[in-house]
Amino acid sequence: MVFKRAWMNFKRMEDMTVAASVLIYAAAVIQAFKLLPGGTGVVARWTLVWPVACLIVAAGVPLAIPVMRRWLMRWVWLSFRAGFGQTPASVLVGVGVLLGFALLIYKDMGGIAETGRYAANIFSAYAAGIGILIAQAVLVRSLERRPDVRALIEEG
């Protein structure tokens, strides 16, 4: 199968978005272990244990429940049709959103370090977002296997 350049760019952008968000998250977790109070157990619970559970649910539920899978697959297709990941502007917007969320994590960590009080878990929210991004990347591959979609995204 030889796909159109737009589809390849879109698929690559979906993958790179997952990779970039995971790297941002990993950097935030490393910083959290250096900065946050409460010891290793508390920091691990707030940055790894609960967030991993949220990531698994956020990635798994849309893929496991047919109606949610169809809805998210439609969203992925509409994102492609709208040009996401196919132009420099859309790539910059995607990177800007990821960096914005990274800044929120670092701001939240600053508040925790300052007050010593853990409030809303921004790490779990960000991990859930990564879960949705993973589900979208999986659905890109599902879409390209569908004959009706494949006909639209193949060269020729």
C-alpha atoms as a PDB file:
ATOM      1  CA  MET A   1       0.000   0.000   0.000  1.00  0.00           C
ATOM      2  CA  VAL A   2       1.275   3.439  -0.930  1.00  0.00           C
ATOM      3  CA  PHE A   3      -0.531   6.156   0.971  1.00  0.00           C
ATOM      4  CA  LYS A   4      -0.944   9.763   0.030  1.00  0.00           C
ATOM      5  CA  ARG A   5       1.550  12.166   1.543  1.00  0.00           C
ATOM      6  CA  ALA A   6      -1.193  13.837   3.615  1.00  0.00           C
ATOM      7  CA  TRP A   7      -2.104  10.525   5.276  1.00  0.00           C
ATOM      8  CA  MET A   8       1.517   9.700   6.012  1.00  0.00           C
ATOM      9  CA  ASN A   9       2.025  13.153   7.558  1.00  0.00           C
ATOM     10  CA  PHE A  10      -1.122  12.740   9.633  1.00  0.00           C
ATOM     11  CA  LYS A  11      -0.121   9.284  10.828  1.00  0.00           C
ATOM     12  CA  ARG A  12       3.390  10.517  11.657  1.00  0.00           C
ATOM     13  CA  MET A  13       1.948  13.480  13.562  1.00  0.00           C
ATOM     14  CA  GLU A  14      -0.275  11.182  15.636  1.00  0.00           C
ATOM     15  CA  ASP A  15       2.760   9.063  16.546  1.00  0.00           C
ATOM     16  CA  MET A  16       4.966  12.072  17.260  1.00  0.00           C
ATOM     17  CA  THR A  17       2.282  13.609  19.455  1.00  0.00           C
ATOM     18  CA  VAL A  18       2.227  10.472  21.592  1.00  0.00           C
ATOM     19  CA  ALA A  19       6.031  10.378  21.751  1.00  0.00           C
ATOM     20  CA  ALA A  20       6.356  14.068  22.622  1.00  0.00           C
ATOM     21  CA  SER A  21       3.678  13.894  25.312  1.00  0.00           C
ATOM     22  CA  VAL A  22       5.350  10.843  26.887  1.00  0.00           C
ATOM     23  CA  LEU A  23       8.735  12.612  26.898  1.00  0.00           C
ATOM     24  CA  ILE A  24       7.217  15.730  28.466  1.00  0.00           C
ATOM     25  CA  TYR A  25       5.555  13.568  31.082  1.00  0.00           C
ATOM     26  CA  ALA A  26       8.775  11.661  31.824  1.00  0.00           C
ATOM     27  CA  ALA A  27      10.650  14.932  32.311  1.00  0.00           C
ATOM     28  CA  ALA A  28       7.938  16.171  34.670  1.00  0.00           C
ATOM     29  CA  VAL A  29       8.093  12.949  36.718  1.00  0.00           C
ATOM     30  CA  ILE A  30      11.876  13.226  37.028  1.00  0.00           C
ATOM     31  CA  GLN A  31      11.473  16.824  38.178  1.00  0.00           C
ATOM     32  CA  ALA A  32       8.724  15.802  40.595  1.00  0.00           C
ATOM     33  CA  PHE A  33      10.991  13.301  42.338  1.00  0.00           C
ATOM     34  CA  LYS A  34      13.554  16.081  42.788  1.00  0.00           C
ATOM     35  CA  LEU A  35      11.128  18.783  43.876  1.00  0.00           C
ATOM     36  CA  LEU A  36       7.976  17.462  45.527  1.00  0.00           C
ATOM     37  CA  PRO A  37       7.608  16.800  49.265  1.00  0.00           C
ATOM     38  CA  GLY A  38       6.425  13.623  50.949  1.00  0.00           C
ATOM     39  CA  GLY A  39       9.076  11.111  50.023  1.00  0.00           C
ATOM     40  CA  THR A  40       9.413   8.626  47.229  1.00  0.00           C
ATOM     41  CA  GLY A  41       6.223   6.713  48.019  1.00  0.00           C
ATOM     42  CA  VAL A  42       3.984   9.779  47.963  1.00  0.00           C
ATOM     43  CA  VAL A  43       5.565  11.199  44.827  1.00  0.00           C
ATOM     44  CA  ALA A  44       5.383   7.815  43.071  1.00  0.00           C
ATOM     45  CA  ARG A  45       1.704   7.488  43.962  1.00  0.00           C
ATOM     46  CA  TRP A  46       0.916  10.969  42.578  1.00  0.00           C
ATOM     47  CA  THR A  47       3.120  10.800  39.485  1.00  0.00           C
ATOM     48  CA  LEU A  48       3.108   7.116  38.498  1.00  0.00           C
ATOM     49  CA  VAL A  49       0.566   4.838  40.182  1.00  0.00           C
ATOM     50  CA  TRP A  50      -2.655   6.836  39.761  1.00  0.00           C
ATOM     51  CA  PRO A  51      -1.618   8.356  36.434  1.00  0.00           C
ATOM     52  CA  VAL A  52      -0.822   4.938  34.922  1.00  0.00           C
ATOM     53  CA  ALA A  53      -4.264   3.728  35.976  1.00  0.00           C
ATOM     54  CA  CYS A  54      -5.817   6.792  34.325  1.00  0.00           C
ATOM     55  CA  LEU A  55      -3.745   6.240  31.170  1.00  0.00           C
ATOM     56  CA  ILE A  56      -4.850   2.601  30.917  1.00  0.00           C
ATOM     57  CA  VAL A  57      -8.515   3.497  31.366  1.00  0.00           C
ATOM     58  CA  ALA A  58      -8.332   6.433  28.941  1.00  0.00           C
ATOM     59  CA  ALA A  59      -6.626   4.316  26.273  1.00  0.00           C
ATOM     60  CA  GLY A  60      -8.558   1.116  26.878  1.00  0.00           C
ATOM     61  CA  VAL A  61     -12.152   2.245  27.287  1.00  0.00           C
ATOM     62  CA  PRO A  62     -12.481   3.983  23.903  1.00  0.00           C
ATOM     63  CA  LEU A  63     -10.922   0.981  22.197  1.00  0.00           C
ATOM     64  CA  ALA A  64     -13.005  -1.593  24.085  1.00  0.00           C
ATOM     65  CA  ILE A  65     -16.470  -0.012  23.917  1.00  0.00           C
ATOM     66  CA  PRO A  66     -17.736  -0.122  20.322  1.00  0.00           C
ATOM     67  CA  VAL A  67     -19.769   3.098  20.416  1.00  0.00           C
ATOM     68  CA  MET A  68     -16.837   5.037  21.885  1.00  0.00           C
ATOM     69  CA  ARG A  69     -14.464   3.422  19.396  1.00  0.00           C
ATOM     70  CA  ARG A  70     -16.668   4.525  16.490  1.00  0.00           C
ATOM     71  CA  TRP A  71     -16.961   8.038  17.924  1.00  0.00           C
ATOM     72  CA  LEU A  72     -13.202   8.389  18.404  1.00  0.00           C
ATOM     73  CA  MET A  73     -12.504   6.845  14.996  1.00  0.00           C
ATOM     74  CA  ARG A  74     -14.810   9.439  13.467  1.00  0.00           C
ATOM     75  CA  TRP A  75     -12.954  12.166  15.380  1.00  0.00           C
ATOM     76  CA  VAL A  76      -9.627  10.869  14.051  1.00  0.00           C
ATOM     77  CA  TRP A  77     -10.976  10.818  10.506  1.00  0.00           C
ATOM     78  CA  LEU A  78     -12.371  14.345  10.834  1.00  0.00           C
ATOM     79  CA  SER A  79      -9.017  15.498  12.219  1.00  0.00           C
ATOM     80  CA  PHE A  80      -7.333  14.119   9.121  1.00  0.00           C
ATOM     81  CA  ARG A  81      -9.886  15.717   6.818  1.00  0.00           C
ATOM     82  CA  ALA A  82      -9.404  19.038   8.628  1.00  0.00           C
ATOM     83  CA  GLY A  83      -5.674  18.908   7.900  1.00  0.00           C
ATOM     84  CA  PHE A  84      -4.259  18.200  11.358  1.00  0.00           C
ATOM     85  CA  GLY A  85      -0.569  17.334  11.174  1.00  0.00           C
ATOM     86  CA  GLN A  86      -0.344  18.132   7.499  1.00  0.00           C
ATOM     87  CA  THR A  87       0.669  21.769   7.574  1.00  0.00           C
ATOM     88  CA  PRO A  88       3.321  23.675   9.522  1.00  0.00           C
ATOM     89  CA  ALA A  89       0.603  25.684  11.266  1.00  0.00           C
ATOM     90  CA  SER A  90      -1.227  22.601  12.541  1.00  0.00           C
ATOM     91  CA  VAL A  91       2.033  21.069  13.733  1.00  0.00           C
ATOM     92  CA  LEU A  92       2.881  24.273  15.614  1.00  0.00           C
ATOM     93  CA  VAL A  93      -0.575  24.340  17.200  1.00  0.00           C
ATOM     94  CA  GLY A  94      -0.172  20.721  18.328  1.00  0.00           C
ATOM     95  CA  VAL A  95       3.252  21.437  19.807  1.00  0.00           C
ATOM     96  CA  GLY A  96       1.867  24.576  21.464  1.00  0.00           C
ATOM     97  CA  VAL A  97      -0.902  22.598  23.140  1.00  0.00           C
ATOM     98  CA  LEU A  98       1.578  20.025  24.453  1.00  0.00           C
ATOM     99  CA  LEU A  99       3.872  22.752  25.770  1.00  0.00           C
ATOM    100  CA  GLY A 100       0.922  24.524  27.368  1.00  0.00           C
ATOM    101  CA  PHE A 101      -0.007  21.402  29.288  1.00  0.00           C
ATOM    102  CA  ALA A 102       3.643  20.914  30.252  1.00  0.00           C
ATOM    103  CA  LEU A 103       3.654  24.410  31.723  1.00  0.00           C
ATOM    104  CA  LEU A 104       0.527  23.563  33.719  1.00  0.00           C
ATOM    105  CA  ILE A 105       2.251  20.523  35.188  1.00  0.00           C
ATOM    106  CA  TYR A 106       5.309  22.548  36.174  1.00  0.00           C
ATOM    107  CA  LYS A 107       3.122  25.300  37.625  1.00  0.00           C
ATOM    108  CA  ASP A 108       1.191  22.728  39.656  1.00  0.00           C
ATOM    109  CA  MET A 109       4.433  21.198  40.911  1.00  0.00           C
ATOM    110  CA  GLY A 110       5.601  24.635  42.006  1.00  0.00           C
ATOM    111  CA  GLY A 111       2.418  25.061  44.031  1.00  0.00           C
ATOM    112  CA  ILE A 112       2.817  21.658  45.665  1.00  0.00           C
ATOM    113  CA  ALA A 113       6.466  22.344  46.504  1.00  0.00           C
ATOM    114  CA  GLU A 114       5.524  25.724  47.963  1.00  0.00           C
ATOM    115  CA  THR A 115       2.555  24.611  50.072  1.00  0.00           C
ATOM    116  CA  GLY A 116       3.400  20.961  50.659  1.00  0.00           C
ATOM    117  CA  ARG A 117      -0.217  20.119  49.818  1.00  0.00           C
ATOM    118  CA  TYR A 118      -1.211  17.844  46.962  1.00  0.00           C
ATOM    119  CA  ALA A 119      -4.487  19.006  45.449  1.00  0.00           C
ATOM    120  CA  ALA A 120      -5.889  18.009  42.051  1.00  0.00           C
ATOM    121  CA  ASN A 121      -3.677  15.520  40.307  1.00  0.00           C
ATOM    122  CA  ILE A 122      -2.512  17.191  37.118  1.00  0.00           C
ATOM    123  CA  PHE A 123      -0.318  14.148  36.472  1.00  0.00           C
ATOM    124  CA  SER A 124      -3.374  11.885  36.232  1.00  0.00           C
ATOM    125  CA  ALA A 125      -5.109  14.326  33.917  1.00  0.00           C
ATOM    126  CA  TYR A 126      -2.078  14.536  31.636  1.00  0.00           C
ATOM    127  CA  ALA A 127      -1.662  10.736  31.656  1.00  0.00           C
ATOM    128  CA  ALA A 128      -5.334  10.343  30.698  1.00  0.00           C
ATOM    129  CA  GLY A 129      -4.669  12.702  27.795  1.00  0.00           C
ATOM    130  CA  ILE A 130      -1.756  10.522  26.726  1.00  0.00           C
ATOM    131  CA  GLY A 131      -4.115   7.544  26.882  1.00  0.00           C
ATOM    132  CA  ILE A 132      -6.499   9.232  24.469  1.00  0.00           C
ATOM    133  CA  LEU A 133      -3.587  10.086  22.161  1.00  0.00           C
ATOM    134  CA  ILE A 134      -2.514   6.427  22.223  1.00  0.00           C
ATOM    135  CA  ALA A 135      -6.058   5.328  21.373  1.00  0.00           C
ATOM    136  CA  GLN A 136      -6.105   7.776  18.465  1.00  0.00           C
ATOM    137  CA  ALA A 137      -2.776   6.473  17.152  1.00  0.00           C
ATOM    138  CA  VAL A 138      -4.137   2.915  17.313  1.00  0.00           C
ATOM    139  CA  LEU A 139      -7.302   3.960  15.494  1.00  0.00           C
ATOM    140  CA  VAL A 140      -5.286   5.553  12.680  1.00  0.00           C
ATOM    141  CA  ARG A 141      -4.049   2.062  11.877  1.00  0.00           C
ATOM    142  CA  SER A 142      -7.585   0.665  12.134  1.00  0.00           C
ATOM    143  CA  LEU A 143      -8.837   3.324   9.744  1.00  0.00           C
ATOM    144  CA  GLU A 144      -6.244   2.597   7.083  1.00  0.00           C
ATOM    145  CA  ARG A 145      -7.268  -1.074   7.064  1.00  0.00           C
ATOM    146  CA  ARG A 146     -10.883  -0.220   6.243  1.00  0.00           C
ATOM    147  CA  PRO A 147     -11.490  -0.622   2.479  1.00  0.00           C
ATOM    148  CA  ASP A 148     -13.617   2.531   2.182  1.00  0.00           C
ATOM    149  CA  VAL A 149     -10.995   4.670   3.913  1.00  0.00           C
ATOM    150  CA  ARG A 150      -8.053   2.952   2.225  1.00  0.00           C
ATOM    151  CA  ALA A 151      -9.517   3.917  -1.154  1.00  0.00           C
ATOM    152  CA  LEU A 152      -9.447   7.571  -0.083  1.00  0.00           C
ATOM    153  CA  ILE A 153      -5.926   7.597   1.338  1.00  0.00           C
ATOM    154  CA  GLU A 154      -4.060   5.462  -1.224  1.00  0.00           C
ATOM    155  CA  GLU A 155      -2.167   6.865  -4.159  1.00  0.00           C
ATOM    156  CA  GLY A 156      -3.446   5.869  -7.536  1.00  0.00           C
END
